[in-house]
């Protein structure tokens, strides 16, 4: 059965978001050591790889891809400076959320009640 293009995109976006949120919560935990982190990231990535990759052309998706590459580089590294790596993941994930929330539209309240003297 061939998956519809839109369905494939939505599925890929959800899987990427799920992978990033799982690793983010793992990095926030204080009691995680490097070995446990690597094992769980490998498990999460194996689930992530099951979904076929879809090219998404937006700056947010590009940032997600860079964050995933960073996570995999850290997980495949030697873990020498793991606390610094964890803080780097947290920083990048926060920047990603900030970028995502930047595009939301906020309605201006009481627009019609602004003073306009006609000049």
C-alpha atoms as a PDB file:
ATOM      1  CA  UNK A   1       0.000   0.000   0.000  1.00  0.00           C
ATOM      2  CA  UNK A   2       1.445   3.359  -1.100  1.00  0.00           C
ATOM      3  CA  UNK A   3       1.221   6.120   1.479  1.00  0.00           C
ATOM      4  CA  UNK A   4      -0.239   9.420   0.337  1.00  0.00           C
ATOM      5  CA  UNK A   5       2.310  12.264   0.132  1.00  0.00           C
ATOM      6  CA  UNK A   6       0.495  14.416   2.674  1.00  0.00           C
ATOM      7  CA  UNK A   7       0.115  11.490   5.068  1.00  0.00           C
ATOM      8  CA  UNK A   8       3.815  10.681   4.720  1.00  0.00           C
ATOM      9  CA  UNK A   9       4.810  14.277   5.454  1.00  0.00           C
ATOM     10  CA  UNK A  10       2.584  14.451   8.522  1.00  0.00           C
ATOM     11  CA  UNK A  11       3.875  11.114   9.803  1.00  0.00           C
ATOM     12  CA  UNK A  12       7.492  12.186   9.295  1.00  0.00           C
ATOM     13  CA  UNK A  13       6.919  15.522  11.071  1.00  0.00           C
ATOM     14  CA  UNK A  14       5.324  13.762  14.041  1.00  0.00           C
ATOM     15  CA  UNK A  15       8.142  11.229  14.282  1.00  0.00           C
ATOM     16  CA  UNK A  16      10.767  13.999  14.203  1.00  0.00           C
ATOM     17  CA  UNK A  17       8.929  15.960  16.899  1.00  0.00           C
ATOM     18  CA  UNK A  18       8.581  12.822  19.021  1.00  0.00           C
ATOM     19  CA  UNK A  19      12.283  11.982  18.698  1.00  0.00           C
ATOM     20  CA  UNK A  20      13.374  15.508  19.641  1.00  0.00           C
ATOM     21  CA  UNK A  21      10.975  15.755  22.583  1.00  0.00           C
ATOM     22  CA  UNK A  22      12.096  12.375  23.956  1.00  0.00           C
ATOM     23  CA  UNK A  23      15.770  13.308  23.768  1.00  0.00           C
ATOM     24  CA  UNK A  24      15.017  16.747  25.236  1.00  0.00           C
ATOM     25  CA  UNK A  25      13.299  15.214  28.263  1.00  0.00           C
ATOM     26  CA  UNK A  26      16.150  12.712  28.598  1.00  0.00           C
ATOM     27  CA  UNK A  27      18.727  15.516  28.543  1.00  0.00           C
ATOM     28  CA  UNK A  28      16.775  17.462  31.180  1.00  0.00           C
ATOM     29  CA  UNK A  29      16.937  14.564  33.630  1.00  0.00           C
ATOM     30  CA  UNK A  30      19.662  14.962  36.232  1.00  0.00           C
ATOM     31  CA  UNK A  31      20.276  11.276  36.903  1.00  0.00           C
ATOM     32  CA  UNK A  32      21.202  10.283  33.318  1.00  0.00           C
ATOM     33  CA  UNK A  33      24.752   9.197  32.641  1.00  0.00           C
ATOM     34  CA  UNK A  34      26.402   9.028  29.211  1.00  0.00           C
ATOM     35  CA  UNK A  35      25.978   5.285  28.748  1.00  0.00           C
ATOM     36  CA  UNK A  36      22.228   5.390  29.484  1.00  0.00           C
ATOM     37  CA  UNK A  37      21.840   8.453  27.260  1.00  0.00           C
ATOM     38  CA  UNK A  38      23.523   6.719  24.317  1.00  0.00           C
ATOM     39  CA  UNK A  39      21.460   3.549  24.729  1.00  0.00           C
ATOM     40  CA  UNK A  40      18.169   5.429  24.837  1.00  0.00           C
ATOM     41  CA  UNK A  41      19.084   7.710  21.935  1.00  0.00           C
ATOM     42  CA  UNK A  42      19.965   4.616  19.876  1.00  0.00           C
ATOM     43  CA  UNK A  43      16.588   3.077  20.755  1.00  0.00           C
ATOM     44  CA  UNK A  44      14.728   6.296  19.883  1.00  0.00           C
ATOM     45  CA  UNK A  45      16.689   6.621  16.629  1.00  0.00           C
ATOM     46  CA  UNK A  46      15.883   3.050  15.601  1.00  0.00           C
ATOM     47  CA  UNK A  47      12.183   3.892  15.932  1.00  0.00           C
ATOM     48  CA  UNK A  48      12.799   7.156  14.053  1.00  0.00           C
ATOM     49  CA  UNK A  49      14.478   5.373  11.113  1.00  0.00           C
ATOM     50  CA  UNK A  50      11.398   3.221  10.475  1.00  0.00           C
ATOM     51  CA  UNK A  51       9.580   6.199   8.969  1.00  0.00           C
ATOM     52  CA  UNK A  52      10.739   7.130   5.452  1.00  0.00           C
ATOM     53  CA  UNK A  53      12.464  10.506   5.225  1.00  0.00           C
ATOM     54  CA  UNK A  54      10.557  13.315   3.546  1.00  0.00           C
ATOM     55  CA  UNK A  55      12.212  16.519   2.331  1.00  0.00           C
ATOM     56  CA  UNK A  56      10.568  19.453   4.045  1.00  0.00           C
ATOM     57  CA  UNK A  57      11.603  22.885   2.859  1.00  0.00           C
ATOM     58  CA  UNK A  58      11.303  25.233   5.822  1.00  0.00           C
ATOM     59  CA  UNK A  59      13.736  26.839   8.212  1.00  0.00           C
ATOM     60  CA  UNK A  60      12.090  25.097  11.187  1.00  0.00           C
ATOM     61  CA  UNK A  61      12.567  21.666   9.620  1.00  0.00           C
ATOM     62  CA  UNK A  62      16.174  22.518   8.766  1.00  0.00           C
ATOM     63  CA  UNK A  63      16.768  23.410  12.421  1.00  0.00           C
ATOM     64  CA  UNK A  64      15.208  20.087  13.445  1.00  0.00           C
ATOM     65  CA  UNK A  65      17.549  18.203  11.114  1.00  0.00           C
ATOM     66  CA  UNK A  66      20.586  20.019  12.536  1.00  0.00           C
ATOM     67  CA  UNK A  67      19.457  19.217  16.086  1.00  0.00           C
ATOM     68  CA  UNK A  68      19.063  15.524  15.212  1.00  0.00           C
ATOM     69  CA  UNK A  69      22.566  15.512  13.699  1.00  0.00           C
ATOM     70  CA  UNK A  70      23.944  17.140  16.864  1.00  0.00           C
ATOM     71  CA  UNK A  71      22.221  14.566  19.070  1.00  0.00           C
ATOM     72  CA  UNK A  72      23.618  11.687  17.023  1.00  0.00           C
ATOM     73  CA  UNK A  73      27.135  13.175  17.045  1.00  0.00           C
ATOM     74  CA  UNK A  74      26.999  13.491  20.831  1.00  0.00           C
ATOM     75  CA  UNK A  75      25.616   9.964  21.254  1.00  0.00           C
ATOM     76  CA  UNK A  76      28.357   8.539  19.016  1.00  0.00           C
ATOM     77  CA  UNK A  77      31.065  10.582  20.748  1.00  0.00           C
ATOM     78  CA  UNK A  78      33.247   9.666  23.677  1.00  0.00           C
ATOM     79  CA  UNK A  79      31.175  11.417  26.365  1.00  0.00           C
ATOM     80  CA  UNK A  80      34.142  13.288  27.762  1.00  0.00           C
ATOM     81  CA  UNK A  81      32.218  16.513  28.429  1.00  0.00           C
ATOM     82  CA  UNK A  82      28.700  15.093  28.747  1.00  0.00           C
ATOM     83  CA  UNK A  83      27.274  17.854  30.968  1.00  0.00           C
ATOM     84  CA  UNK A  84      28.316  20.474  28.433  1.00  0.00           C
ATOM     85  CA  UNK A  85      26.805  18.370  25.626  1.00  0.00           C
ATOM     86  CA  UNK A  86      23.526  18.059  27.536  1.00  0.00           C
ATOM     87  CA  UNK A  87      23.343  21.806  28.013  1.00  0.00           C
ATOM     88  CA  UNK A  88      24.056  22.284  24.301  1.00  0.00           C
ATOM     89  CA  UNK A  89      21.164  19.972  23.386  1.00  0.00           C
ATOM     90  CA  UNK A  90      18.871  21.858  25.771  1.00  0.00           C
ATOM     91  CA  UNK A  91      19.939  25.203  24.315  1.00  0.00           C
ATOM     92  CA  UNK A  92      19.365  24.091  20.733  1.00  0.00           C
ATOM     93  CA  UNK A  93      15.978  22.572  21.600  1.00  0.00           C
ATOM     94  CA  UNK A  94      14.938  25.799  23.306  1.00  0.00           C
ATOM     95  CA  UNK A  95      16.017  27.808  20.264  1.00  0.00           C
ATOM     96  CA  UNK A  96      13.984  25.448  18.103  1.00  0.00           C
ATOM     97  CA  UNK A  97      10.887  26.023  20.251  1.00  0.00           C
ATOM     98  CA  UNK A  98      11.498  29.754  20.163  1.00  0.00           C
ATOM     99  CA  UNK A  99      11.678  29.658  16.363  1.00  0.00           C
ATOM    100  CA  UNK A 100       8.475  27.623  16.189  1.00  0.00           C
ATOM    101  CA  UNK A 101       6.585  29.994  18.497  1.00  0.00           C
ATOM    102  CA  UNK A 102       7.860  33.032  16.610  1.00  0.00           C
ATOM    103  CA  UNK A 103       5.502  32.334  13.743  1.00  0.00           C
ATOM    104  CA  UNK A 104       2.333  32.269  15.821  1.00  0.00           C
ATOM    105  CA  UNK A 105      -0.073  35.111  15.280  1.00  0.00           C
ATOM    106  CA  UNK A 106      -1.273  37.141  18.215  1.00  0.00           C
ATOM    107  CA  UNK A 107      -4.473  39.081  17.751  1.00  0.00           C
ATOM    108  CA  UNK A 108      -4.417  42.685  18.875  1.00  0.00           C
ATOM    109  CA  UNK A 109      -7.096  43.203  21.512  1.00  0.00           C
ATOM    110  CA  UNK A 110      -9.405  46.205  21.452  1.00  0.00           C
ATOM    111  CA  UNK A 111      -8.195  47.329  18.049  1.00  0.00           C
ATOM    112  CA  UNK A 112     -11.307  49.396  17.394  1.00  0.00           C
ATOM    113  CA  UNK A 113     -10.999  51.319  20.672  1.00  0.00           C
ATOM    114  CA  UNK A 114      -7.637  52.916  19.818  1.00  0.00           C
ATOM    115  CA  UNK A 115      -7.604  56.683  19.747  1.00  0.00           C
ATOM    116  CA  UNK A 116      -7.576  58.075  16.220  1.00  0.00           C
ATOM    117  CA  UNK A 117      -8.034  61.794  15.870  1.00  0.00           C
ATOM    118  CA  UNK A 118      -8.052  61.706  12.076  1.00  0.00           C
ATOM    119  CA  UNK A 119      -4.791  63.537  11.361  1.00  0.00           C
END
